[in-house]
């Protein structure tokens, strides 16, 4: 997957808003400074997506469906979510990814990639 990174507050707030299409292997990774409960919505997003809520170790905790234009937040069950990966609807299932899977980048795990000094 080629995932854009949402690292700043503005990038996180804007996310995938106003995009009319999404590539088959495109996504967006949201990186938060601290773990917490997360909730994502689809304001101004016409593309159906799935979102993986990911814990501080970089493991998928749960995958939720995000409906186009739905302004109701889809909240995580866990308060230990530090990353969220949005992908086209069904991408995780198609690629055999689910709860317990560790997400990797070319630099290693998500904590190794984004918070190397915290280890």
Protein backbone atom coordinates (compact mmCIF):
# COMPACT_ATOMS: atom_id res chain seq x y z
CA UNK A 1 0.00 0.00 0.00
CA UNK A 2 1.07 3.55 -0.70
CA UNK A 3 -0.25 5.46 2.31
CA UNK A 4 -0.18 9.20 2.68
CA UNK A 5 0.77 10.34 6.15
CA UNK A 6 -1.37 12.59 8.32
CA UNK A 7 1.09 13.84 10.92
CA UNK A 8 0.06 17.41 11.74
CA UNK A 9 -3.18 18.53 13.38
CA UNK A 10 -4.34 20.10 10.11
CA UNK A 11 -3.57 16.95 8.10
CA UNK A 12 -5.40 14.81 10.66
CA UNK A 13 -8.43 17.14 10.68
CA UNK A 14 -8.64 17.22 6.87
CA UNK A 15 -7.85 13.56 6.19
CA UNK A 16 -9.43 12.33 2.95
CA UNK A 17 -12.01 15.13 2.71
CA UNK A 18 -13.07 16.31 -0.74
CA UNK A 19 -11.40 13.44 -2.61
CA UNK A 20 -13.68 11.89 -5.18
CA UNK A 21 -11.61 8.75 -5.81
CA UNK A 22 -9.12 6.54 -4.04
CA UNK A 23 -6.61 4.23 -5.69
CA UNK A 24 -6.96 0.48 -5.19
CA UNK A 25 -3.83 0.37 -3.02
CA UNK A 26 -3.99 3.91 -1.66
CA UNK A 27 -4.55 4.85 1.95
CA UNK A 28 -3.88 7.39 4.66
CA UNK A 29 -2.09 6.71 7.93
CA UNK A 30 -3.00 8.99 10.83
CA UNK A 31 -0.30 9.20 13.50
CA UNK A 32 -1.18 10.50 16.97
CA UNK A 33 1.32 11.52 19.65
CA UNK A 34 -0.40 9.50 22.40
CA UNK A 35 -2.81 6.57 22.48
CA UNK A 36 -6.46 7.29 23.21
CA UNK A 37 -9.95 6.34 22.06
CA UNK A 38 -10.41 7.44 18.44
CA UNK A 39 -13.42 8.22 16.34
CA UNK A 40 -13.49 8.82 12.58
CA UNK A 41 -16.24 10.19 10.39
CA UNK A 42 -16.72 10.82 6.69
CA UNK A 43 -17.65 14.48 6.38
CA UNK A 44 -17.15 15.54 2.75
CA UNK A 45 -15.87 12.06 1.83
CA UNK A 46 -17.79 10.36 -1.00
CA UNK A 47 -15.65 7.18 -1.09
CA UNK A 48 -16.56 4.13 1.07
CA UNK A 49 -13.62 3.21 3.27
CA UNK A 50 -12.46 0.89 6.00
CA UNK A 51 -10.31 2.07 8.90
CA UNK A 52 -7.96 0.00 11.02
CA UNK A 53 -7.60 1.23 14.59
CA UNK A 54 -4.03 0.39 15.60
CA UNK A 55 -2.47 0.17 19.06
CA UNK A 56 0.83 1.79 20.23
CA UNK A 57 2.80 -1.33 19.24
CA UNK A 58 1.51 -1.06 15.66
CA UNK A 59 -0.96 -3.96 15.83
CA UNK A 60 -4.42 -3.74 14.32
CA UNK A 61 -6.96 -3.68 17.14
CA UNK A 62 -10.14 -3.53 15.04
CA UNK A 63 -11.36 -2.64 11.55
CA UNK A 64 -14.46 -0.52 11.04
CA UNK A 65 -16.54 0.49 8.02
CA UNK A 66 -16.81 4.18 7.19
CA UNK A 67 -19.86 5.19 5.14
CA UNK A 68 -19.64 8.03 2.59
CA UNK A 69 -20.74 11.42 3.97
CA UNK A 70 -21.63 9.98 7.39
CA UNK A 71 -20.95 12.66 10.02
CA UNK A 72 -21.49 10.26 12.95
CA UNK A 73 -18.16 9.29 14.45
CA UNK A 74 -17.29 5.58 14.35
CA UNK A 75 -15.53 5.18 17.69
CA UNK A 76 -12.87 2.66 18.63
CA UNK A 77 -13.66 0.18 21.37
CA UNK A 78 -10.18 0.63 22.83
CA UNK A 79 -8.61 3.66 24.51
CA UNK A 80 -5.21 2.44 23.29
CA UNK A 81 -5.34 3.60 19.66
CA UNK A 82 -2.33 5.57 18.41
CA UNK A 83 -2.60 5.07 14.63
CA UNK A 84 -5.46 4.81 12.17
CA UNK A 85 -5.06 3.49 8.64
CA UNK A 86 -7.83 4.33 6.17
CA UNK A 87 -8.10 2.24 3.01
CA UNK A 88 -10.67 1.56 0.29
CA UNK A 89 -13.60 -0.50 1.59
CA UNK A 90 -12.62 -4.17 1.70
CA UNK A 91 -8.87 -3.59 1.27
CA UNK A 92 -7.94 -5.18 4.62
CA UNK A 93 -9.98 -8.32 3.97
CA UNK A 94 -8.72 -8.58 0.39
CA UNK A 95 -5.14 -8.44 1.69
CA UNK A 96 -5.67 -10.85 4.60
CA UNK A 97 -5.15 -8.22 7.31
CA UNK A 98 -7.14 -8.17 10.53
CA UNK A 99 -6.89 -7.78 14.29
CA UNK A 100 -3.51 -8.81 15.69
CA UNK A 101 -1.55 -8.09 12.50
CA UNK A 102 1.41 -5.71 12.93
CA UNK A 103 1.61 -2.94 10.35
CA UNK A 104 5.10 -2.39 8.94
CA UNK A 105 6.81 0.32 6.90
CA UNK A 106 10.16 0.11 5.10
CA UNK A 107 11.67 1.48 8.35
CA UNK A 108 10.10 -1.20 10.58
CA UNK A 109 7.10 -1.16 12.89
CA UNK A 110 5.00 1.98 13.29
CA UNK A 111 6.66 2.89 16.63
CA UNK A 112 10.12 2.35 15.08
CA UNK A 113 9.14 4.55 12.14
CA UNK A 114 7.37 7.41 13.95
CA UNK A 115 8.68 7.34 17.53
CA UNK A 116 12.18 5.81 17.41
CA UNK A 117 13.37 7.66 20.53
CA UNK A 118 10.58 6.26 22.71
CA UNK A 119 11.70 2.66 22.59
